[in-house]
């Protein structure tokens, strides 16, 4: 049979059903505010979301008056009248705000005037998720005890629905993370595929976290290198400089950290553990957008991404170590075979000479001279081959570059940022590597003498056809129309042209200078 419920109970049930029909957390919060305003006939309603320390991080207003709140660019401080609800953790009803002793100070600019007030905490598992504030009951009358009872009941029900919506959002976020990363690293055959996998991983992470920048950085010999970037490329030097001490602290302690930036935004720095790859690494997620439900899980899932990235790096290094081991074993085999060949040839030559004892002296002399000549040539060739096999390779380009940047950090007064794209260690012949290092040294010397810069970004990138050295500083720059030569660029341009490449200089007074020195990889 139908129960004849009081109008207040029916209205409350209808509000709960309406709120529970939405699985999106933002939708649930908006419905809570709308239902509260409808139940109490309030003109203004806002749900203030707080963090673990009780500070307001976001405001969800009643959509009917949202435009009036859009111009207020201040978060409540939690003192004065708004602080009564969180301090007392109970509903507060005030008939005339202007006469209440807690109503001190003034409202922010463009805040609508409030006369009557009703507020209640919204608790999730006995912890404050936010506080519901209602203002100005229509008709100019105060809020009633009935209004307060309805809002208290709605706040209790809202806590359960918010908890469910948060759980749903966390599950959905994890699902999106799995979808975005499940294919990453499936095919790691070849160095280029490894780079593609790492690029895809940081790009997926940036989209998922709605961050300004996501970067994988590595510290080698005190130098912080930027290996992968997704987002605002131009912001990387400032990001690394601003977060340098935090990055080093994370790398030293191997402990993830969360740095609050602004309401709803935080920077996450998570270490990347590797067993085989050289250098300590970290993922930097700068200014990630955090909803209340993701605040506790985002750092954990970034940590899982860091683990995945570390496994990709270790697998790549293991494959490269295996290839080098096979080459070393093959070199040892060849060297051993050559030595065996020398011994056998010497033995055969000795047998020939031994059998020539009874020959005529003139014939014997010719045979001995011929054997000596043959053996001398063979020994020289085999010695050269064995020396070539035994000789170790020269230091890779990246090691030389790091050493050079470390040297110039003292001259410049700051540590340049190094970015790497592609297989730079395998792209160039040894002679070309020497030219690259010479060009980099000359460019850094020019910056030290002329630029008055506070940051420098050095980028090494390699494709199938070209190798690019890019040096960008934030110094004083110069007018190319006036300064047609000098600033050390003439030698750089000549060196690039001799190798079949070119130099491009981009600069303007006060806008810094960017040099792009490009040569063919077959140089």
Protein backbone atom coordinates (compact mmCIF):
# COMPACT_ATOMS: atom_id res chain seq x y z
CA UNK A 1 0.00 0.00 0.00
CA UNK A 2 1.10 3.63 -0.51
CA UNK A 3 2.38 5.45 2.53
CA UNK A 4 1.27 8.99 3.04
CA UNK A 5 4.65 10.56 3.75
CA UNK A 6 4.96 14.10 5.02
CA UNK A 7 5.92 16.58 2.29
CA UNK A 8 9.32 17.15 3.90
CA UNK A 9 10.15 13.43 3.89
CA UNK A 10 9.01 13.00 0.31
CA UNK A 11 11.05 16.01 -0.79
CA UNK A 12 14.11 14.63 1.01
CA UNK A 13 13.69 11.18 -0.58
CA UNK A 14 13.29 12.74 -4.01
CA UNK A 15 16.49 14.74 -3.44
CA UNK A 16 18.41 11.63 -2.35
CA UNK A 17 17.21 9.68 -5.39
CA UNK A 18 18.17 12.54 -7.71
CA UNK A 19 21.64 12.80 -6.19
CA UNK A 20 22.20 9.05 -6.28
CA UNK A 21 21.34 8.88 -10.00
CA UNK A 22 24.62 10.56 -10.89
CA UNK A 23 27.89 8.58 -10.75
CA UNK A 24 30.16 11.49 -11.66
CA UNK A 25 31.56 13.11 -8.53
CA UNK A 26 31.20 16.64 -9.84
CA UNK A 27 27.62 15.88 -10.83
CA UNK A 28 26.89 14.45 -7.36
CA UNK A 29 28.29 17.56 -5.66
CA UNK A 30 26.29 19.89 -7.88
CA UNK A 31 23.09 17.91 -7.23
CA UNK A 32 23.71 18.13 -3.47
CA UNK A 33 23.86 21.94 -3.65
CA UNK A 34 20.82 22.15 -5.93
CA UNK A 35 18.78 19.83 -3.70
CA UNK A 36 19.76 21.79 -0.58
CA UNK A 37 18.63 25.06 -2.15
CA UNK A 38 15.35 23.51 -3.30
CA UNK A 39 14.59 21.92 0.09
CA UNK A 40 15.23 25.13 2.04
CA UNK A 41 14.21 27.68 -0.64
CA UNK A 42 17.69 29.25 -0.39
CA UNK A 43 18.88 31.64 -3.10
CA UNK A 44 22.59 30.96 -2.64
CA UNK A 45 24.24 27.60 -2.08
CA UNK A 46 27.85 26.46 -2.24
CA UNK A 47 29.70 23.32 -1.20
CA UNK A 48 33.23 24.12 -0.10
CA UNK A 49 35.58 21.13 -0.54
CA UNK A 50 38.49 20.92 1.89
CA UNK A 51 41.79 19.03 1.91
CA UNK A 52 43.26 16.91 4.69
CA UNK A 53 44.39 20.04 6.53
CA UNK A 54 40.93 21.63 6.37
CA UNK A 55 41.86 24.28 3.79
CA UNK A 56 39.34 24.98 1.04
CA UNK A 57 40.44 23.65 -2.35
CA UNK A 58 37.33 24.04 -4.51
CA UNK A 59 33.88 25.64 -4.41
CA UNK A 60 30.82 24.05 -6.05
CA UNK A 61 28.08 26.71 -6.28
CA UNK A 62 24.40 26.45 -7.08
CA UNK A 63 24.29 26.60 -10.93
CA UNK A 64 21.49 29.19 -10.80
CA UNK A 65 23.85 31.75 -9.25
CA UNK A 66 27.19 30.32 -10.41
CA UNK A 67 27.87 33.39 -12.56
CA UNK A 68 27.83 35.61 -9.46
CA UNK A 69 30.53 33.43 -7.84
CA UNK A 70 32.65 33.13 -11.00
CA UNK A 71 34.14 36.59 -10.42
CA UNK A 72 35.35 35.76 -6.91
CA UNK A 73 38.97 34.64 -7.28
CA UNK A 74 39.53 33.92 -3.58
CA UNK A 75 39.13 30.75 -1.56
CA UNK A 76 37.57 31.09 1.89
CA UNK A 77 40.17 31.16 4.65
CA UNK A 78 38.05 29.21 7.11
CA UNK A 79 37.94 31.95 9.72
CA UNK A 80 35.09 34.28 10.60
CA UNK A 81 31.54 32.97 10.08
CA UNK A 82 32.52 30.28 7.57
CA UNK A 83 34.83 28.75 10.14
CA UNK A 84 32.06 28.02 12.63
CA UNK A 85 30.84 24.91 10.81
CA UNK A 86 34.26 23.19 10.50
CA UNK A 87 35.29 24.23 14.02
CA UNK A 88 32.12 22.95 15.71
CA UNK A 89 31.48 20.10 13.23
CA UNK A 90 27.72 20.66 13.38
CA UNK A 91 24.98 22.57 11.60
CA UNK A 92 24.88 26.32 12.22
CA UNK A 93 21.76 28.46 11.60
CA UNK A 94 21.89 32.26 11.85
CA UNK A 95 18.87 34.51 11.32
CA UNK A 96 20.80 37.77 10.83
CA UNK A 97 24.42 37.49 9.78
CA UNK A 98 25.16 41.17 10.40
CA UNK A 99 24.39 40.78 14.12
CA UNK A 100 26.33 37.58 14.75
CA UNK A 101 29.59 38.00 16.72
CA UNK A 102 31.48 35.63 14.41
CA UNK A 103 30.65 37.71 11.33
CA UNK A 104 33.85 39.77 11.37
CA UNK A 105 35.73 41.22 8.43
CA UNK A 106 34.24 41.74 5.00
CA UNK A 107 33.28 39.61 2.04
CA UNK A 108 35.57 39.44 -1.01
CA UNK A 109 34.88 41.89 -3.82
CA UNK A 110 31.76 41.01 -5.89
CA UNK A 111 30.54 38.59 -3.21
CA UNK A 112 26.73 38.82 -2.95
CA UNK A 113 25.45 40.20 0.38
CA UNK A 114 24.29 37.47 2.80
CA UNK A 115 21.65 38.07 5.47
CA UNK A 116 20.39 34.66 6.68
CA UNK A 117 22.76 31.69 6.86
CA UNK A 118 22.59 27.91 7.22
CA UNK A 119 25.64 25.66 7.15
CA UNK A 120 26.35 21.98 7.76
CA UNK A 121 29.39 19.71 7.50
CA UNK A 122 29.48 16.93 4.88
CA UNK A 123 31.34 13.99 6.37
CA UNK A 124 32.72 10.92 4.62
CA UNK A 125 33.75 8.19 7.05
CA UNK A 126 33.70 10.73 9.88
CA UNK A 127 36.19 12.94 8.02
CA UNK A 128 35.20 16.32 6.64
CA UNK A 129 34.91 16.19 2.86
CA UNK A 130 33.46 19.69 2.69
CA UNK A 131 30.98 22.13 4.16
CA UNK A 132 27.60 23.09 2.77
CA UNK A 133 26.69 26.77 3.04
CA UNK A 134 23.27 28.23 2.22
CA UNK A 135 22.38 31.91 2.23
CA UNK A 136 19.35 34.22 1.92
CA UNK A 137 16.13 32.21 2.23
CA UNK A 138 13.71 33.61 -0.34
CA UNK A 139 11.10 35.99 0.95
CA UNK A 140 13.57 37.62 3.29
CA UNK A 141 12.70 35.28 6.17
CA UNK A 142 15.19 33.30 8.29
CA UNK A 143 15.92 29.62 7.81
CA UNK A 144 13.77 27.41 10.02
CA UNK A 145 14.47 24.41 12.26
CA UNK A 146 12.79 22.31 9.55
CA UNK A 147 15.30 23.62 7.00
CA UNK A 148 18.15 22.74 9.33
CA UNK A 149 16.84 19.20 9.92
CA UNK A 150 16.44 18.61 6.18
CA UNK A 151 19.95 19.87 5.42
CA UNK A 152 21.46 17.75 8.20
CA UNK A 153 19.71 14.64 6.90
CA UNK A 154 20.72 15.44 3.32
CA UNK A 155 24.35 16.01 4.38
CA UNK A 156 24.46 12.60 6.05
CA UNK A 157 23.05 10.88 2.98
CA UNK A 158 25.34 12.93 0.75
CA UNK A 159 28.40 11.61 2.58
CA UNK A 160 27.54 8.06 1.55
CA UNK A 161 26.85 9.05 -2.06
CA UNK A 162 30.05 11.09 -2.26
CA UNK A 163 32.00 8.08 -1.02
CA UNK A 164 30.43 5.93 -3.73
CA UNK A 165 31.11 8.55 -6.40
CA UNK A 166 34.72 8.85 -5.26
CA UNK A 167 35.16 5.09 -5.47
CA UNK A 168 33.66 5.08 -8.96
CA UNK A 169 35.93 7.93 -10.10
CA UNK A 170 38.99 6.15 -8.72
CA UNK A 171 38.04 2.92 -10.52
CA UNK A 172 37.38 4.83 -13.74
CA UNK A 173 40.71 6.63 -13.46
CA UNK A 174 42.53 3.33 -12.95
CA UNK A 175 40.67 1.88 -15.95
CA UNK A 176 41.76 4.81 -18.11
CA UNK A 177 45.33 4.34 -16.91
CA UNK A 178 45.24 0.65 -17.83
CA UNK A 179 43.79 1.42 -21.26
CA UNK A 180 46.37 4.13 -21.88
CA UNK A 181 49.40 2.06 -20.87
CA UNK A 182 48.57 -1.58 -21.61
CA UNK A 183 50.10 -1.48 -25.11
CA UNK A 184 53.18 0.49 -24.08
CA UNK A 185 56.36 -1.55 -24.21
CA UNK A 186 54.81 -4.55 -25.94
CA UNK A 187 57.31 -4.30 -28.82
CA UNK A 188 60.75 -3.12 -27.73
CA UNK A 189 62.72 -4.49 -30.68
CA UNK A 190 65.15 -1.73 -31.53
CA UNK A 191 66.28 1.40 -29.75
CA UNK A 192 63.79 3.60 -31.64
CA UNK A 193 60.90 1.47 -30.37
CA UNK A 194 62.12 1.91 -26.80
CA UNK A 195 62.14 5.69 -27.24
CA UNK A 196 58.66 5.54 -28.76
CA UNK A 197 57.43 3.50 -25.78
CA UNK A 198 58.85 6.00 -23.28
CA UNK A 199 57.39 8.94 -25.22
CA UNK A 200 54.01 7.24 -25.30
CA UNK A 201 54.16 6.53 -21.57
CA UNK A 202 54.81 10.15 -20.52
CA UNK A 203 52.23 11.43 -23.04
CA UNK A 204 49.56 9.08 -21.67
CA UNK A 205 50.44 10.09 -18.12
CA UNK A 206 50.15 13.80 -18.94
CA UNK A 207 46.72 13.33 -20.54
CA UNK A 208 45.53 11.22 -17.64
CA UNK A 209 46.71 13.68 -14.97
CA UNK A 210 45.76 16.76 -17.02
CA UNK A 211 49.19 18.13 -16.12
CA UNK A 212 51.05 21.03 -17.70
CA UNK A 213 54.27 19.04 -18.11
CA UNK A 214 55.29 15.43 -17.57
CA UNK A 215 58.99 14.61 -17.91
CA UNK A 216 61.31 11.70 -17.28
CA UNK A 217 64.58 13.07 -15.92
CA UNK A 218 67.79 11.35 -14.94
CA UNK A 219 70.74 12.42 -12.79
CA UNK A 220 74.18 11.42 -14.03
CA UNK A 221 77.30 12.80 -12.31
CA UNK A 222 75.22 15.54 -10.70
CA UNK A 223 73.71 16.66 -14.01
CA UNK A 224 69.92 16.46 -14.42
CA UNK A 225 69.10 15.28 -17.94
CA UNK A 226 65.66 15.53 -19.50
CA UNK A 227 65.06 12.43 -21.61
CA UNK A 228 61.32 12.47 -22.33
CA UNK A 229 58.87 15.38 -22.22
CA UNK A 230 55.13 15.69 -22.81
CA UNK A 231 53.45 19.07 -22.64
CA UNK A 232 54.87 22.58 -22.60
CA UNK A 233 58.41 22.11 -23.92
CA UNK A 234 59.37 25.73 -23.34
CA UNK A 235 58.59 25.46 -19.64
CA UNK A 236 61.08 22.64 -18.99
CA UNK A 237 64.11 24.81 -18.01
CA UNK A 238 62.04 26.73 -15.46
CA UNK A 239 60.42 23.56 -14.14
CA UNK A 240 63.77 21.81 -13.63
CA UNK A 241 65.32 24.89 -12.06
CA UNK A 242 62.35 25.43 -9.72
CA UNK A 243 62.14 21.79 -8.65
CA UNK A 244 65.86 20.95 -8.65
CA UNK A 245 66.18 20.53 -4.89
CA UNK A 246 62.96 18.47 -4.68
CA UNK A 247 64.07 16.23 -7.55
CA UNK A 248 67.46 15.64 -5.92
CA UNK A 249 65.77 14.89 -2.60
CA UNK A 250 63.49 12.30 -4.24
CA UNK A 251 66.45 10.73 -6.03
CA UNK A 252 68.49 10.62 -2.81
CA UNK A 253 65.74 9.18 -0.61
CA UNK A 254 63.90 7.22 -3.33
CA UNK A 255 60.67 8.45 -1.78
CA UNK A 256 57.81 9.93 -3.88
CA UNK A 257 56.68 13.42 -2.99
CA UNK A 258 53.59 15.54 -3.59
CA UNK A 259 53.98 19.32 -3.74
CA UNK A 260 50.73 21.36 -3.52
CA UNK A 261 50.74 24.12 -6.14
CA UNK A 262 47.28 25.69 -5.96
CA UNK A 263 43.75 24.55 -5.10
CA UNK A 264 43.13 21.41 -7.15
CA UNK A 265 46.69 21.23 -8.52
CA UNK A 266 49.83 19.52 -7.29
CA UNK A 267 53.25 18.49 -8.61
CA UNK A 268 54.22 14.85 -8.20
CA UNK A 269 57.83 13.59 -8.27
CA UNK A 270 58.30 9.83 -8.25
CA UNK A 271 61.62 7.96 -8.42
CA UNK A 272 62.27 5.49 -11.26
CA UNK A 273 64.16 2.45 -10.00
CA UNK A 274 66.43 0.60 -12.44
CA UNK A 275 68.86 -2.22 -11.82
CA UNK A 276 70.82 -2.06 -15.06
CA UNK A 277 70.47 1.44 -16.52
CA UNK A 278 72.96 4.02 -15.33
CA UNK A 279 71.91 7.09 -13.36
CA UNK A 280 69.03 7.82 -10.97
CA UNK A 281 65.75 8.76 -12.62
CA UNK A 282 62.42 10.33 -11.71
CA UNK A 283 59.07 11.14 -13.28
CA UNK A 284 58.01 14.76 -12.77
CA UNK A 285 54.28 15.49 -13.17
CA UNK A 286 54.03 19.25 -12.92
CA UNK A 287 50.71 20.85 -11.93
CA UNK A 288 48.55 17.75 -12.16
CA UNK A 289 44.82 18.36 -11.75
CA UNK A 290 43.66 16.61 -8.58
CA UNK A 291 40.02 16.02 -7.84
CA UNK A 292 39.16 15.24 -4.19
CA UNK A 293 38.81 11.53 -4.95
CA UNK A 294 42.11 11.28 -6.85
CA UNK A 295 44.22 13.07 -4.27
CA UNK A 296 45.04 9.82 -2.51
CA UNK A 297 45.55 7.53 -5.52
CA UNK A 298 47.23 9.65 -8.19
CA UNK A 299 50.67 9.46 -6.56
CA UNK A 300 50.36 5.67 -6.27
CA UNK A 301 49.48 5.20 -9.93
CA UNK A 302 52.27 7.53 -11.05
CA UNK A 303 54.50 5.23 -8.99
CA UNK A 304 53.21 2.23 -10.96
CA UNK A 305 53.99 4.12 -14.17
CA UNK A 306 57.51 4.77 -12.87
CA UNK A 307 57.88 1.05 -12.21
CA UNK A 308 56.76 0.29 -15.78
CA UNK A 309 59.20 2.84 -17.16
CA UNK A 310 62.04 1.34 -15.12
CA UNK A 311 61.25 -2.14 -16.43
CA UNK A 312 61.33 -0.86 -20.02
CA UNK A 313 64.72 0.76 -19.41
CA UNK A 314 66.12 -2.37 -17.74
CA UNK A 315 64.90 -4.63 -20.54
CA UNK A 316 66.44 -2.33 -23.14
CA UNK A 317 69.73 -2.23 -21.24
CA UNK A 318 69.70 -6.02 -20.84
CA UNK A 319 69.26 -6.47 -24.59
CA UNK A 320 72.09 -4.03 -25.27
CA UNK A 321 74.33 -5.75 -22.71
CA UNK A 322 73.53 -9.08 -24.32
CA UNK A 323 74.43 -7.72 -27.76
CA UNK A 324 77.71 -6.32 -26.41
CA UNK A 325 78.46 -9.63 -24.73
CA UNK A 326 77.89 -11.47 -28.00
CA UNK A 327 80.19 -9.03 -29.78
CA UNK A 328 82.84 -9.44 -27.07
CA UNK A 329 82.62 -13.22 -27.27
CA UNK A 330 82.89 -13.06 -31.05
CA UNK A 331 85.90 -10.77 -30.81
CA UNK A 332 87.56 -13.18 -28.39
CA UNK A 333 86.87 -16.07 -30.75
CA UNK A 334 88.32 -14.20 -33.71
CA UNK A 335 91.38 -13.18 -31.72
CA UNK A 336 91.85 -16.77 -30.56
CA UNK A 337 91.50 -18.05 -34.13
CA UNK A 338 94.03 -15.53 -35.38
CA UNK A 339 96.51 -16.54 -32.73
CA UNK A 340 95.97 -20.19 -33.58
CA UNK A 341 96.48 -19.37 -37.26
CA UNK A 342 99.78 -17.65 -36.51
CA UNK A 343 101.00 -20.61 -34.51
CA UNK A 344 99.96 -23.07 -37.20
CA UNK A 345 101.58 -21.01 -39.92
CA UNK A 346 104.78 -20.73 -37.92
CA UNK A 347 104.69 -24.47 -37.36
CA UNK A 348 104.17 -25.14 -41.08
CA UNK A 349 106.95 -22.76 -42.00
CA UNK A 350 109.25 -24.45 -39.53
CA UNK A 351 108.48 -27.83 -41.12
CA UNK A 352 109.28 -26.43 -44.58
CA UNK A 353 112.58 -25.07 -43.38
CA UNK A 354 113.38 -28.30 -41.59
CA UNK A 355 112.81 -30.24 -44.81
CA UNK A 356 115.09 -27.91 -46.72
CA UNK A 357 118.30 -29.02 -44.98
CA UNK A 358 119.51 -31.10 -47.92
CA UNK A 359 118.75 -28.48 -50.58
CA UNK A 360 121.32 -26.64 -52.59
CA UNK A 361 122.47 -23.50 -50.72
CA UNK A 362 121.17 -21.15 -53.41
CA UNK A 363 117.79 -22.90 -53.47
CA UNK A 364 117.73 -22.98 -49.68
CA UNK A 365 118.45 -19.27 -49.49
CA UNK A 366 115.54 -18.47 -51.78
CA UNK A 367 113.16 -20.66 -49.81
CA UNK A 368 114.19 -19.06 -46.51
CA UNK A 369 113.89 -15.51 -47.85
CA UNK A 370 110.45 -16.23 -49.21
CA UNK A 371 109.32 -17.76 -45.90
CA UNK A 372 110.62 -14.78 -43.97
CA UNK A 373 108.80 -12.34 -46.23
CA UNK A 374 105.55 -14.26 -46.03
CA UNK A 375 105.75 -14.56 -42.29
CA UNK A 376 106.62 -10.89 -41.83
CA UNK A 377 103.61 -9.77 -43.85
CA UNK A 378 101.29 -12.23 -42.11
CA UNK A 379 102.46 -11.23 -38.65
CA UNK A 380 101.97 -7.51 -39.39
CA UNK A 381 98.45 -8.05 -40.73
CA UNK A 382 97.46 -10.35 -37.91
CA UNK A 383 98.95 -8.05 -35.30
CA UNK A 384 96.96 -5.12 -36.69
CA UNK A 385 93.75 -7.17 -36.73
CA UNK A 386 94.27 -8.44 -33.19
CA UNK A 387 95.03 -4.92 -31.93
CA UNK A 388 91.86 -3.61 -33.61
CA UNK A 389 89.80 -6.35 -31.98
CA UNK A 390 91.32 -5.85 -28.56
CA UNK A 391 91.07 -2.06 -28.57
CA UNK A 392 88.09 -0.75 -26.58
CA UNK A 393 85.73 1.87 -28.01
CA UNK A 394 86.13 5.54 -27.27
CA UNK A 395 83.85 7.17 -24.71
CA UNK A 396 80.28 7.57 -26.02
CA UNK A 397 79.05 10.98 -27.08
CA UNK A 398 76.72 11.27 -24.08
CA UNK A 399 79.53 10.71 -21.61
CA UNK A 400 81.68 13.30 -23.35
CA UNK A 401 78.77 15.75 -23.41
CA UNK A 402 78.02 15.31 -19.71
CA UNK A 403 81.65 15.89 -18.85
CA UNK A 404 81.70 19.04 -21.00
CA UNK A 405 78.52 20.43 -19.41
CA UNK A 406 79.92 19.70 -15.97
CA UNK A 407 83.05 21.63 -16.90
CA UNK A 408 81.07 24.64 -18.15
CA UNK A 409 78.71 24.66 -15.15
CA UNK A 410 81.55 26.33 -13.24
CA UNK A 411 82.13 28.88 -16.01
CA UNK A 412 78.44 29.70 -16.51
CA UNK A 413 77.54 29.72 -12.83
CA UNK A 414 74.65 27.25 -13.27
CA UNK A 415 74.11 23.72 -14.53
CA UNK A 416 72.86 23.49 -18.15
CA UNK A 417 69.90 21.19 -18.83
CA UNK A 418 70.57 18.28 -21.20
CA UNK A 419 67.84 16.78 -23.41
CA UNK A 420 68.31 13.63 -25.49
CA UNK A 421 66.13 12.44 -28.36
CA UNK A 422 66.90 9.38 -30.45
CA UNK A 423 69.98 7.16 -30.67
CA UNK A 424 72.57 9.88 -30.32
CA UNK A 425 75.31 7.49 -29.17
CA UNK A 426 75.01 5.42 -32.33
CA UNK A 427 74.29 8.06 -34.95
CA UNK A 428 77.75 9.45 -35.72
CA UNK A 429 81.18 8.26 -36.76
CA UNK A 430 84.04 8.96 -34.29
CA UNK A 431 85.33 11.90 -36.35
CA UNK A 432 81.89 13.53 -36.36
CA UNK A 433 81.63 13.14 -32.57
CA UNK A 434 84.78 15.22 -32.25
CA UNK A 435 83.18 17.96 -34.37
CA UNK A 436 79.99 17.90 -32.26
CA UNK A 437 81.93 18.32 -29.02
CA UNK A 438 84.01 21.11 -30.52
CA UNK A 439 80.87 22.91 -31.70
CA UNK A 440 79.24 22.52 -28.27
CA UNK A 441 82.33 23.83 -26.50
CA UNK A 442 82.45 26.87 -28.78
CA UNK A 443 78.74 27.59 -28.31
CA UNK A 444 79.00 27.38 -24.51
CA UNK A 445 82.05 29.65 -24.56
CA UNK A 446 80.08 32.20 -26.60
CA UNK A 447 77.23 32.09 -24.08
CA UNK A 448 79.64 32.57 -21.19
CA UNK A 449 81.25 35.58 -22.90
CA UNK A 450 78.27 37.35 -24.46
CA UNK A 451 74.85 36.06 -23.34
CA UNK A 452 74.58 36.96 -19.63
CA UNK A 453 72.21 33.98 -19.39
CA UNK A 454 70.69 32.32 -16.34
CA UNK A 455 69.71 29.04 -18.02
CA UNK A 456 70.86 26.95 -21.00
CA UNK A 457 69.19 23.95 -22.59
CA UNK A 458 71.39 21.63 -24.67
CA UNK A 459 69.54 19.16 -26.87
CA UNK A 460 71.08 16.26 -28.79
CA UNK A 461 68.74 14.58 -31.26
CA UNK A 462 69.29 12.01 -33.99
CA UNK A 463 67.08 10.77 -36.82
CA UNK A 464 67.83 8.35 -39.63
CA UNK A 465 69.41 11.12 -41.71
CA UNK A 466 70.38 14.08 -39.52
CA UNK A 467 72.02 14.84 -36.20
CA UNK A 468 71.02 18.05 -34.46
CA UNK A 469 72.79 19.97 -31.70
CA UNK A 470 70.50 22.66 -30.29
CA UNK A 471 71.65 25.16 -27.66
CA UNK A 472 69.11 27.64 -26.29
CA UNK A 473 69.83 30.32 -23.68
CA UNK A 474 67.68 32.98 -22.01
CA UNK A 475 70.34 35.68 -22.29
CA UNK A 476 70.37 39.17 -23.77
CA UNK A 477 70.33 38.03 -27.40
CA UNK A 478 71.30 40.39 -30.22
CA UNK A 479 69.96 42.04 -33.37
CA UNK A 480 70.93 39.93 -36.39
CA UNK A 481 70.40 42.89 -38.70
CA UNK A 482 73.16 44.78 -36.88
CA UNK A 483 75.44 41.93 -35.81
CA UNK A 484 75.98 40.02 -39.06
CA UNK A 485 79.06 38.15 -37.84
CA UNK A 486 80.92 37.43 -34.68
CA UNK A 487 79.46 36.04 -31.46
CA UNK A 488 81.45 32.94 -32.43
CA UNK A 489 78.84 31.76 -34.94
CA UNK A 490 81.13 32.03 -38.00
CA UNK A 491 83.29 29.08 -36.95
CA UNK A 492 80.21 27.02 -36.12
CA UNK A 493 78.67 27.72 -39.53
CA UNK A 494 81.90 26.88 -41.35
CA UNK A 495 82.37 23.64 -39.44
CA UNK A 496 78.77 22.57 -40.16
CA UNK A 497 79.11 23.43 -43.88
CA UNK A 498 82.32 21.40 -44.19
CA UNK A 499 80.43 18.37 -42.89
CA UNK A 500 77.50 18.89 -45.25
CA UNK A 501 75.26 20.49 -42.65
CA UNK A 502 74.13 23.97 -41.68
CA UNK A 503 73.77 26.38 -38.75
CA UNK A 504 70.61 28.33 -37.92
CA UNK A 505 70.62 31.16 -35.36
CA UNK A 506 67.39 32.50 -33.85
CA UNK A 507 67.70 35.55 -31.63
CA UNK A 508 66.41 39.01 -30.79
CA UNK A 509 67.45 41.64 -28.25
CA UNK A 510 66.29 40.52 -24.82
CA UNK A 511 64.85 37.25 -26.14
CA UNK A 512 67.81 34.91 -25.77
CA UNK A 513 69.57 32.97 -28.53
CA UNK A 514 68.99 29.53 -30.05
CA UNK A 515 71.63 27.77 -32.16
CA UNK A 516 70.70 24.74 -34.27
CA UNK A 517 73.79 22.98 -35.62
CA UNK A 518 72.76 20.17 -38.00
CA UNK A 519 74.98 17.63 -39.81
CA UNK A 520 74.31 14.37 -41.68
CA UNK A 521 74.55 11.24 -39.54
CA UNK A 522 76.84 9.60 -42.13
CA UNK A 523 79.48 12.27 -41.55
